[in-house]
């Protein structure tokens, strides 16, 4: 709840705020996004069980006041964090997202399931398997070798390793969502002339 201090909204340009609000209200006239609407909003269909679980976890981390809905302020705060937040802020949010059982640590199973789910949603064709990537993360940053990553191990370890930082940041890249919002729901993979013509 401390994340919702209005700062996120101030950091947006007037144009961004207007585009985000227009998209949010066109998709969600009630002003409160349910989990079902969240999936529709971002075009998440026919998800595997793992991917569906990941989307539910993401929804819960965006629902700052835990009322079962994402309102516009939560939506803006969440997207601002993911798109414009400092590396340290993003990594803390990623940790919360990966810590599925909420025990303050990430184990191999949690990280592996999330990586598989993210790849299914983003349709990534990575050179490393999800298992290899998970093992690499733990080999590099599980300092005490207990098979779990604390928040400190995760944040410090990822920041010190350029490959991990780049890979994790890319896996949660939501710029396609911004393009979708800016193109008012049109396919973000269309040529950019559509966006220029609207200006």
Protein backbone atom coordinates (compact mmCIF):
# COMPACT_ATOMS: atom_id res chain seq x y z
CA UNK A 1 0.00 0.00 0.00
CA UNK A 2 2.94 2.30 0.61
CA UNK A 3 3.60 2.14 -3.14
CA UNK A 4 0.54 4.25 -3.91
CA UNK A 5 1.69 7.73 -3.02
CA UNK A 6 0.69 9.55 -6.18
CA UNK A 7 4.33 9.81 -7.23
CA UNK A 8 3.82 7.35 -10.08
CA UNK A 9 1.11 9.50 -11.61
CA UNK A 10 3.26 12.65 -11.32
CA UNK A 11 6.04 10.95 -13.28
CA UNK A 12 3.77 10.38 -16.28
CA UNK A 13 3.45 12.94 -19.01
CA UNK A 14 -0.03 14.38 -19.61
CA UNK A 15 -0.20 12.46 -22.90
CA UNK A 16 0.70 9.16 -21.22
CA UNK A 17 -1.84 9.73 -18.44
CA UNK A 18 -4.55 10.48 -20.97
CA UNK A 19 -3.72 7.42 -23.10
CA UNK A 20 -3.56 5.11 -20.09
CA UNK A 21 -6.80 6.46 -18.65
CA UNK A 22 -8.61 6.23 -22.02
CA UNK A 23 -7.50 2.61 -22.51
CA UNK A 24 -8.30 1.68 -18.91
CA UNK A 25 -11.83 3.18 -18.97
CA UNK A 26 -12.64 1.81 -22.45
CA UNK A 27 -11.74 -1.69 -21.29
CA UNK A 28 -13.07 -1.28 -17.78
CA UNK A 29 -15.94 1.27 -17.57
CA UNK A 30 -16.60 0.37 -13.91
CA UNK A 31 -13.12 1.66 -13.02
CA UNK A 32 -12.25 -1.63 -11.30
CA UNK A 33 -10.44 -4.35 -13.21
CA UNK A 34 -11.19 -7.95 -12.19
CA UNK A 35 -8.77 -10.81 -12.82
CA UNK A 36 -10.85 -11.89 -15.84
CA UNK A 37 -10.83 -8.35 -17.26
CA UNK A 38 -7.09 -8.09 -16.54
CA UNK A 39 -6.49 -11.13 -18.75
CA UNK A 40 -8.74 -9.71 -21.47
CA UNK A 41 -7.12 -6.27 -21.17
CA UNK A 42 -3.67 -7.65 -22.00
CA UNK A 43 -4.87 -10.26 -24.50
CA UNK A 44 -3.91 -13.24 -22.33
CA UNK A 45 -5.91 -16.17 -23.71
CA UNK A 46 -5.59 -19.95 -23.70
CA UNK A 47 -2.91 -19.92 -21.01
CA UNK A 48 -1.31 -23.03 -19.60
CA UNK A 49 -1.88 -23.75 -15.90
CA UNK A 50 1.56 -22.37 -15.03
CA UNK A 51 1.07 -19.22 -17.12
CA UNK A 52 -2.40 -18.70 -15.65
CA UNK A 53 -0.98 -18.99 -12.12
CA UNK A 54 1.70 -16.44 -12.98
CA UNK A 55 -0.91 -13.99 -14.30
CA UNK A 56 -2.88 -14.43 -11.06
CA UNK A 57 0.29 -13.67 -9.06
CA UNK A 58 0.95 -10.58 -11.17
CA UNK A 59 -2.63 -9.41 -10.66
CA UNK A 60 -2.28 -9.85 -6.90
CA UNK A 61 0.96 -7.83 -6.79
CA UNK A 62 -0.74 -5.03 -8.76
CA UNK A 63 -3.75 -5.11 -6.39
CA UNK A 64 -1.98 -3.04 -3.73
CA UNK A 65 -4.96 -2.77 -1.34
CA UNK A 66 -5.90 -6.46 -1.79
CA UNK A 67 -9.59 -5.79 -2.54
CA UNK A 68 -9.67 -8.17 -5.54
CA UNK A 69 -9.71 -5.36 -8.12
CA UNK A 70 -7.17 -3.14 -9.81
CA UNK A 71 -8.35 0.45 -9.92
CA UNK A 72 -6.82 3.13 -12.16
CA UNK A 73 -4.36 4.37 -9.51
CA UNK A 74 -3.11 0.82 -8.88
CA UNK A 75 -2.86 0.25 -12.63
CA UNK A 76 -0.80 3.42 -13.14
CA UNK A 77 1.39 2.73 -10.11
CA UNK A 78 2.07 -0.83 -11.28
CA UNK A 79 2.85 0.06 -14.89
CA UNK A 80 4.97 3.03 -13.81
CA UNK A 81 6.97 0.80 -11.50
CA UNK A 82 7.57 -1.84 -14.16
CA UNK A 83 8.19 0.63 -16.98
CA UNK A 84 9.89 3.55 -15.25
CA UNK A 85 11.00 2.33 -11.84
CA UNK A 86 14.64 2.22 -10.75
CA UNK A 87 16.41 -1.14 -11.03
CA UNK A 88 16.29 -1.69 -7.26
CA UNK A 89 12.51 -1.00 -7.17
CA UNK A 90 11.87 -3.34 -10.09
CA UNK A 91 13.95 -6.12 -8.56
CA UNK A 92 12.05 -5.85 -5.26
CA UNK A 93 8.77 -6.09 -7.20
CA UNK A 94 10.08 -9.07 -9.22
CA UNK A 95 11.06 -10.76 -5.96
CA UNK A 96 7.56 -10.30 -4.57
CA UNK A 97 6.15 -11.72 -7.79
CA UNK A 98 8.49 -14.76 -7.71
CA UNK A 99 7.90 -15.45 -4.00
CA UNK A 100 4.66 -17.29 -4.69
CA UNK A 101 4.12 -18.65 -1.17
CA UNK A 102 5.02 -15.32 0.44
CA UNK A 103 7.58 -16.78 2.85
CA UNK A 104 10.22 -14.14 2.07
CA UNK A 105 12.42 -16.47 -0.01
CA UNK A 106 12.42 -17.78 -3.56
CA UNK A 107 13.18 -21.47 -4.01
CA UNK A 108 14.17 -23.22 -7.24
CA UNK A 109 10.65 -24.49 -7.88
CA UNK A 110 9.10 -21.03 -7.58
CA UNK A 111 11.65 -19.45 -9.90
CA UNK A 112 11.44 -22.29 -12.43
CA UNK A 113 7.62 -22.13 -12.57
CA UNK A 114 7.63 -18.37 -13.03
CA UNK A 115 10.30 -18.49 -15.75
CA UNK A 116 8.32 -21.19 -17.61
CA UNK A 117 5.13 -19.16 -17.28
CA UNK A 118 6.75 -15.92 -18.45
CA UNK A 119 8.20 -17.68 -21.47
CA UNK A 120 4.81 -19.20 -22.32
CA UNK A 121 3.12 -15.80 -22.15
CA UNK A 122 5.86 -13.92 -24.01
CA UNK A 123 6.39 -16.83 -26.41
CA UNK A 124 10.16 -16.57 -25.91
CA UNK A 125 12.61 -18.72 -27.81
CA UNK A 126 15.54 -18.55 -25.42
CA UNK A 127 18.83 -20.39 -26.01
CA UNK A 128 18.84 -21.62 -22.39
CA UNK A 129 16.08 -23.87 -21.05
CA UNK A 130 14.07 -22.62 -18.08
CA UNK A 131 15.81 -25.26 -15.95
CA UNK A 132 19.28 -24.15 -17.09
CA UNK A 133 18.43 -20.52 -16.43
CA UNK A 134 17.06 -21.31 -12.95
CA UNK A 135 20.21 -23.30 -12.11
CA UNK A 136 22.40 -20.46 -13.37
CA UNK A 137 20.56 -17.95 -11.16
CA UNK A 138 21.03 -20.10 -8.08
CA UNK A 139 24.65 -20.96 -8.92
CA UNK A 140 25.49 -17.27 -9.26
CA UNK A 141 23.57 -15.62 -6.44
CA UNK A 142 22.62 -18.19 -3.77
CA UNK A 143 25.54 -17.06 -1.62
CA UNK A 144 24.91 -19.29 1.40
CA UNK A 145 23.94 -22.31 -0.76
CA UNK A 146 20.70 -23.03 1.12
CA UNK A 147 18.63 -23.46 -2.06
CA UNK A 148 16.61 -20.31 -1.36
CA UNK A 149 17.15 -16.69 -2.34
CA UNK A 150 16.47 -14.01 0.24
CA UNK A 151 15.43 -10.55 -0.93
CA UNK A 152 18.96 -9.26 -0.27
CA UNK A 153 20.64 -12.13 -2.16
CA UNK A 154 18.28 -11.65 -5.09
CA UNK A 155 18.51 -7.85 -5.38
CA UNK A 156 22.27 -7.61 -4.80
CA UNK A 157 23.12 -10.71 -6.85
CA UNK A 158 21.09 -9.72 -9.90
CA UNK A 159 22.42 -6.15 -9.86
CA UNK A 160 26.01 -7.43 -9.83
CA UNK A 161 25.46 -9.77 -12.80
CA UNK A 162 24.77 -8.05 -16.14
CA UNK A 163 23.51 -11.24 -17.84
CA UNK A 164 20.97 -11.97 -15.09
CA UNK A 165 19.85 -8.35 -14.94
CA UNK A 166 19.38 -8.15 -18.70
CA UNK A 167 17.59 -11.51 -18.92
CA UNK A 168 15.20 -10.84 -16.02
CA UNK A 169 14.45 -7.31 -17.21
CA UNK A 170 13.77 -8.55 -20.74
CA UNK A 171 11.53 -11.35 -19.46
CA UNK A 172 9.28 -8.80 -17.76
CA UNK A 173 9.45 -6.20 -20.53
CA UNK A 174 6.00 -4.64 -20.80
CA UNK A 175 6.74 -2.14 -23.57
CA UNK A 176 4.36 -4.10 -25.82
CA UNK A 177 1.60 -3.15 -23.36
CA UNK A 178 2.50 0.51 -23.69
CA UNK A 179 2.44 0.20 -27.49
CA UNK A 180 -0.97 -1.45 -27.24
CA UNK A 181 -2.24 1.43 -25.09
CA UNK A 182 -0.71 4.05 -27.40
CA UNK A 183 -2.19 2.38 -30.47
CA UNK A 184 -5.58 2.29 -28.71
CA UNK A 185 -5.86 -1.48 -28.76
CA UNK A 186 -4.54 -2.05 -32.29
CA UNK A 187 -1.91 -4.70 -32.89
CA UNK A 188 1.39 -3.33 -31.53
CA UNK A 189 3.29 -5.24 -34.21
CA UNK A 190 1.81 -3.14 -37.01
CA UNK A 191 4.19 -0.67 -38.70
CA UNK A 192 4.80 2.48 -36.67
CA UNK A 193 3.27 4.72 -39.37
CA UNK A 194 -0.13 4.16 -37.74
CA UNK A 195 1.12 5.95 -34.61
CA UNK A 196 2.68 8.75 -36.65
CA UNK A 197 -0.46 9.31 -38.69
CA UNK A 198 -2.47 9.86 -35.52
CA UNK A 199 -0.21 12.74 -34.44
